[in-house]
C-alpha cells in the first residue's frame, strides 16, 4: 500500500484572509463533526449507572453535548488529520466553480 504524504503548503495562500479563514473553519468543523460521529457509538455502550453521576435521564440529555465538546477538543489537539485534505478539497471545489478570488483584497 502506498502512503501519500501530507502536503505542507497552505492551500489558501493567496486567498483573501476572510475567505481563507472561512474555508479553514469549515474544514476544522467538518473534522470535529466526524470525530463526534466516531465517538457517539462508543459512549452509547457505556453503562453509567454506577458512575459518579448515576446515569439517568439528565445524563442521557447532556451526553451528546459532552461528546461534541470532546470531539472539538480532540480536533483542536490535532484530530485525525482530516482537516488538511478537506481544506484542499474545498479550495479545489471552489476554484472549479470560480469562487476563488486569489490575489484579491476582498
N, C-alpha and C. Protein backbone atom coordinates (compact mmCIF):
# COMPACT_ATOMS: atom_id res chain seq x y z
N UNK A 1 0.84 -1.17 0.00
CA UNK A 1 0.00 0.00 0.00
C UNK A 1 0.89 1.24 0.00
N UNK A 2 0.63 2.16 -0.88
CA UNK A 2 1.41 3.39 -0.98
C UNK A 2 0.89 4.40 0.04
N UNK A 3 1.83 5.10 0.65
CA UNK A 3 1.48 6.14 1.61
C UNK A 3 1.59 7.47 0.89
N UNK A 4 0.52 8.25 0.94
CA UNK A 4 0.51 9.56 0.31
C UNK A 4 0.92 10.58 1.36
N UNK A 5 2.02 11.30 1.13
CA UNK A 5 2.47 12.26 2.14
C UNK A 5 1.52 13.45 2.24
N UNK A 6 1.39 13.97 3.43
CA UNK A 6 0.56 15.15 3.65
C UNK A 6 1.27 16.36 3.06
N UNK A 7 0.47 17.27 2.53
CA UNK A 7 1.06 18.49 1.99
C UNK A 7 1.39 19.43 3.13
N UNK A 8 2.44 20.20 2.95
CA UNK A 8 2.85 21.14 3.99
C UNK A 8 2.57 22.56 3.59
N UNK A 9 2.17 22.79 2.35
CA UNK A 9 1.87 24.14 1.92
C UNK A 9 0.43 24.48 2.26
N UNK A 10 0.18 25.76 2.41
CA UNK A 10 -1.16 26.23 2.74
C UNK A 10 -1.96 26.39 1.44
N UNK A 11 -3.01 25.58 1.26
CA UNK A 11 -3.77 25.68 0.02
C UNK A 11 -4.54 26.99 -0.11
N UNK A 12 -4.65 27.74 1.00
CA UNK A 12 -5.38 29.01 0.94
C UNK A 12 -4.45 30.19 0.70
N UNK A 13 -3.15 29.92 0.46
CA UNK A 13 -2.20 31.00 0.19
C UNK A 13 -2.69 31.80 -1.01
N UNK A 14 -2.70 33.09 -0.87
CA UNK A 14 -3.11 33.96 -1.96
C UNK A 14 -4.59 34.30 -1.94
N UNK A 15 -5.35 33.66 -1.07
CA UNK A 15 -6.77 33.96 -0.95
C UNK A 15 -6.97 35.16 -0.03
N UNK A 16 -8.06 35.87 -0.20
CA UNK A 16 -8.36 36.94 0.76
C UNK A 16 -8.46 36.34 2.17
N UNK A 17 -7.99 37.05 3.18
CA UNK A 17 -7.98 36.49 4.54
C UNK A 17 -9.35 35.99 5.02
N UNK A 18 -10.40 36.70 4.72
CA UNK A 18 -11.74 36.29 5.17
C UNK A 18 -12.15 34.97 4.51
N UNK A 19 -11.86 34.83 3.23
CA UNK A 19 -12.21 33.60 2.52
C UNK A 19 -11.37 32.43 3.03
N UNK A 20 -10.09 32.66 3.26
CA UNK A 20 -9.21 31.61 3.78
C UNK A 20 -9.67 31.17 5.16
N UNK A 21 -10.03 32.14 6.02
CA UNK A 21 -10.49 31.81 7.37
C UNK A 21 -11.78 31.01 7.33
N UNK A 22 -12.68 31.36 6.42
CA UNK A 22 -13.95 30.66 6.30
C UNK A 22 -13.73 29.21 5.85
N UNK A 23 -12.84 29.00 4.89
CA UNK A 23 -12.56 27.65 4.41
C UNK A 23 -11.87 26.82 5.49
N UNK A 24 -10.92 27.41 6.21
CA UNK A 24 -10.24 26.68 7.28
C UNK A 24 -11.21 26.31 8.40
N UNK A 25 -12.10 27.23 8.75
CA UNK A 25 -13.09 26.93 9.80
C UNK A 25 -13.99 25.79 9.36
N UNK A 26 -14.42 25.80 8.10
CA UNK A 26 -15.28 24.73 7.60
C UNK A 26 -14.57 23.38 7.65
N UNK A 27 -13.29 23.36 7.31
CA UNK A 27 -12.52 22.10 7.33
C UNK A 27 -12.36 21.59 8.76
N UNK A 28 -12.07 22.48 9.69
CA UNK A 28 -11.91 22.07 11.09
C UNK A 28 -13.25 21.64 11.70
N UNK A 29 -14.32 22.36 11.35
CA UNK A 29 -15.65 21.97 11.83
C UNK A 29 -16.04 20.59 11.31
N UNK A 30 -15.70 20.32 10.05
CA UNK A 30 -16.01 19.01 9.47
C UNK A 30 -15.27 17.91 10.23
N UNK A 31 -13.99 18.13 10.53
CA UNK A 31 -13.23 17.11 11.26
C UNK A 31 -13.80 16.89 12.65
N UNK A 32 -14.19 17.96 13.34
CA UNK A 32 -14.79 17.82 14.67
C UNK A 32 -16.09 17.03 14.59
N UNK A 33 -16.88 17.28 13.56
CA UNK A 33 -18.14 16.55 13.37
C UNK A 33 -17.86 15.07 13.10
N UNK A 34 -16.84 14.79 12.31
CA UNK A 34 -16.50 13.40 12.01
C UNK A 34 -16.04 12.67 13.28
N UNK A 35 -15.23 13.32 14.08
CA UNK A 35 -14.79 12.72 15.35
C UNK A 35 -15.98 12.48 16.26
N UNK A 36 -16.91 13.45 16.30
CA UNK A 36 -18.12 13.32 17.10
C UNK A 36 -18.90 12.07 16.68
N UNK A 37 -19.04 11.86 15.39
CA UNK A 37 -19.79 10.69 14.90
C UNK A 37 -19.07 9.39 15.25
N UNK A 38 -17.75 9.42 15.31
CA UNK A 38 -17.00 8.22 15.70
C UNK A 38 -17.12 7.93 17.20
N UNK A 39 -17.24 8.98 18.00
CA UNK A 39 -17.33 8.81 19.45
C UNK A 39 -18.72 8.39 19.93
N UNK A 40 -19.76 8.82 19.23
CA UNK A 40 -21.13 8.54 19.67
C UNK A 40 -21.39 7.08 20.01
N UNK A 41 -21.09 6.14 19.12
CA UNK A 41 -21.38 4.73 19.44
C UNK A 41 -20.61 4.24 20.66
N UNK A 42 -19.42 4.76 20.85
CA UNK A 42 -18.63 4.33 21.99
C UNK A 42 -19.32 4.74 23.30
N UNK A 43 -19.83 5.95 23.35
CA UNK A 43 -20.48 6.41 24.57
C UNK A 43 -21.88 5.83 24.73
N UNK A 44 -22.49 5.39 23.65
CA UNK A 44 -23.81 4.76 23.74
C UNK A 44 -23.74 3.41 24.43
N UNK A 45 -22.57 2.80 24.46
CA UNK A 45 -22.44 1.47 25.06
C UNK A 45 -21.92 1.50 26.49
N UNK A 46 -21.66 2.69 27.03
CA UNK A 46 -21.12 2.81 28.37
C UNK A 46 -22.26 2.75 29.39
N UNK A 47 -22.11 1.87 30.38
CA UNK A 47 -23.08 1.78 31.47
C UNK A 47 -22.69 2.81 32.53
N UNK A 48 -23.49 3.85 32.66
CA UNK A 48 -23.16 4.92 33.59
C UNK A 48 -23.91 4.82 34.92
N UNK A 49 -24.68 3.77 35.12
CA UNK A 49 -25.48 3.66 36.34
C UNK A 49 -24.61 3.64 37.60
N UNK A 50 -23.40 3.12 37.50
CA UNK A 50 -22.51 3.08 38.66
C UNK A 50 -21.51 4.21 38.69
N UNK A 51 -21.62 5.14 37.75
CA UNK A 51 -20.68 6.24 37.67
C UNK A 51 -20.96 7.34 38.67
N UNK A 52 -20.14 8.38 38.66
CA UNK A 52 -20.29 9.46 39.64
C UNK A 52 -21.59 10.24 39.51
N UNK A 53 -22.21 10.22 38.32
CA UNK A 53 -23.45 10.97 38.13
C UNK A 53 -24.68 10.07 38.18
N UNK A 54 -24.47 8.77 38.27
CA UNK A 54 -25.56 7.82 38.47
C UNK A 54 -26.44 7.53 37.29
N UNK A 55 -26.06 7.97 36.09
CA UNK A 55 -26.87 7.69 34.91
C UNK A 55 -28.16 8.49 34.93
N UNK A 56 -29.19 7.94 34.34
CA UNK A 56 -30.49 8.60 34.36
C UNK A 56 -30.74 9.48 33.16
N UNK A 57 -31.94 10.07 33.15
CA UNK A 57 -32.40 10.88 32.01
C UNK A 57 -31.56 12.14 31.83
N UNK A 58 -31.19 12.78 32.92
CA UNK A 58 -30.41 14.01 32.81
C UNK A 58 -29.05 13.75 32.16
N UNK A 59 -28.42 12.66 32.58
CA UNK A 59 -27.12 12.34 31.99
C UNK A 59 -27.27 12.02 30.51
N UNK A 60 -28.32 11.31 30.15
CA UNK A 60 -28.55 10.99 28.74
C UNK A 60 -28.81 12.26 27.93
N UNK A 61 -29.44 13.24 28.55
CA UNK A 61 -29.71 14.50 27.87
C UNK A 61 -28.41 15.26 27.60
N UNK A 62 -27.50 15.27 28.55
CA UNK A 62 -26.27 16.04 28.42
C UNK A 62 -25.15 15.30 27.71
N UNK A 63 -25.24 13.99 27.59
CA UNK A 63 -24.16 13.21 26.98
C UNK A 63 -23.81 13.67 25.55
N UNK A 64 -24.77 13.91 24.66
CA UNK A 64 -24.38 14.35 23.30
C UNK A 64 -23.58 15.64 23.31
N UNK A 65 -23.89 16.54 24.23
CA UNK A 65 -23.13 17.80 24.32
C UNK A 65 -21.72 17.54 24.83
N UNK A 66 -21.57 16.61 25.76
CA UNK A 66 -20.25 16.26 26.26
C UNK A 66 -19.41 15.62 25.15
N UNK A 67 -20.02 14.73 24.39
CA UNK A 67 -19.30 14.05 23.31
C UNK A 67 -18.89 15.08 22.25
N UNK A 68 -19.77 16.02 21.94
CA UNK A 68 -19.45 17.07 20.97
C UNK A 68 -18.28 17.93 21.47
N UNK A 69 -18.30 18.29 22.74
CA UNK A 69 -17.20 19.09 23.30
C UNK A 69 -15.89 18.31 23.26
N UNK A 70 -15.96 17.02 23.55
CA UNK A 70 -14.75 16.19 23.49
C UNK A 70 -14.22 16.12 22.07
N UNK A 71 -15.12 15.99 21.10
CA UNK A 71 -14.71 15.93 19.69
C UNK A 71 -14.03 17.22 19.26
N UNK A 72 -14.57 18.35 19.69
CA UNK A 72 -13.96 19.64 19.35
C UNK A 72 -12.58 19.76 19.97
N UNK A 73 -12.44 19.32 21.22
CA UNK A 73 -11.13 19.36 21.88
C UNK A 73 -10.13 18.45 21.17
N UNK A 74 -10.58 17.27 20.77
CA UNK A 74 -9.70 16.35 20.06
C UNK A 74 -9.25 16.96 18.73
N UNK A 75 -10.15 17.62 18.03
CA UNK A 75 -9.80 18.25 16.75
C UNK A 75 -8.79 19.36 16.98
N UNK A 76 -9.00 20.18 18.01
CA UNK A 76 -8.08 21.28 18.30
C UNK A 76 -6.70 20.78 18.71
N UNK A 77 -6.64 19.56 19.24
CA UNK A 77 -5.36 18.98 19.65
C UNK A 77 -4.67 18.24 18.50
N UNK A 78 -5.21 18.32 17.32
CA UNK A 78 -4.58 17.68 16.17
C UNK A 78 -5.49 16.73 15.44
N UNK A 79 -6.51 16.24 16.12
CA UNK A 79 -7.53 15.41 15.49
C UNK A 79 -6.98 14.18 14.79
N UNK A 80 -7.65 13.83 13.72
CA UNK A 80 -7.29 12.65 12.94
C UNK A 80 -6.53 12.99 11.67
N UNK A 81 -6.30 14.28 11.45
CA UNK A 81 -5.60 14.70 10.25
C UNK A 81 -6.52 14.87 9.05
N UNK A 82 -7.81 15.02 9.30
CA UNK A 82 -8.77 15.16 8.21
C UNK A 82 -8.89 16.59 7.70
N UNK A 83 -8.62 17.58 8.54
CA UNK A 83 -8.90 18.96 8.14
C UNK A 83 -8.05 19.42 6.95
N UNK A 84 -6.80 19.01 6.87
CA UNK A 84 -5.95 19.45 5.74
C UNK A 84 -6.46 18.92 4.39
N UNK A 85 -6.73 17.61 4.25
CA UNK A 85 -7.25 17.16 2.96
C UNK A 85 -8.63 17.73 2.66
N UNK A 86 -9.45 17.94 3.68
CA UNK A 86 -10.77 18.55 3.46
C UNK A 86 -10.59 19.98 2.97
N UNK A 87 -9.66 20.72 3.59
CA UNK A 87 -9.38 22.09 3.16
C UNK A 87 -8.92 22.12 1.71
N UNK A 88 -8.02 21.21 1.35
CA UNK A 88 -7.54 21.15 -0.03
C UNK A 88 -8.70 20.87 -0.99
N UNK A 89 -9.59 19.98 -0.60
CA UNK A 89 -10.75 19.67 -1.45
C UNK A 89 -11.69 20.86 -1.57
N UNK A 90 -11.89 21.58 -0.48
CA UNK A 90 -12.75 22.77 -0.53
C UNK A 90 -12.17 23.83 -1.47
N UNK A 91 -10.86 24.04 -1.38
CA UNK A 91 -10.21 25.03 -2.25
C UNK A 91 -10.34 24.60 -3.71
N UNK A 92 -10.09 23.30 -4.00
CA UNK A 92 -10.22 22.82 -5.38
C UNK A 92 -11.66 22.96 -5.88
N UNK A 93 -12.63 22.63 -5.04
CA UNK A 93 -14.03 22.71 -5.45
C UNK A 93 -14.43 24.15 -5.72
N UNK A 94 -14.00 25.06 -4.88
CA UNK A 94 -14.35 26.45 -5.12
C UNK A 94 -13.63 27.01 -6.33
N UNK A 95 -12.39 26.58 -6.55
CA UNK A 95 -11.65 27.03 -7.74
C UNK A 95 -12.35 26.53 -9.00
N UNK A 96 -12.84 25.29 -8.98
CA UNK A 96 -13.53 24.73 -10.14
C UNK A 96 -14.83 25.48 -10.43
N UNK A 97 -15.47 25.97 -9.38
CA UNK A 97 -16.71 26.73 -9.55
C UNK A 97 -16.45 28.19 -9.86
N UNK A 98 -15.20 28.63 -9.72
CA UNK A 98 -14.87 30.02 -9.97
C UNK A 98 -15.12 30.91 -8.76
N UNK A 99 -15.20 30.32 -7.58
CA UNK A 99 -15.47 31.10 -6.36
C UNK A 99 -14.20 31.54 -5.63
N UNK A 100 -13.05 31.31 -6.22
CA UNK A 100 -11.78 31.66 -5.59
C UNK A 100 -11.33 33.01 -6.13
N UNK A 101 -10.96 33.91 -5.21
CA UNK A 101 -10.51 35.23 -5.60
C UNK A 101 -9.04 35.41 -5.22
N UNK A 102 -8.16 34.63 -5.83
CA UNK A 102 -6.74 34.71 -5.50
C UNK A 102 -6.17 36.09 -5.85
N UNK A 103 -5.41 36.61 -4.90
CA UNK A 103 -4.75 37.90 -5.13
C UNK A 103 -5.64 39.08 -4.90
N UNK A 104 -6.89 38.87 -4.60
CA UNK A 104 -7.81 39.97 -4.34
C UNK A 104 -7.74 40.36 -2.88
N UNK A 105 -8.04 41.60 -2.58
CA UNK A 105 -8.03 42.07 -1.19
C UNK A 105 -9.43 42.14 -0.62
N UNK A 106 -10.35 41.39 -1.14
CA UNK A 106 -11.73 41.42 -0.65
C UNK A 106 -11.84 40.76 0.69
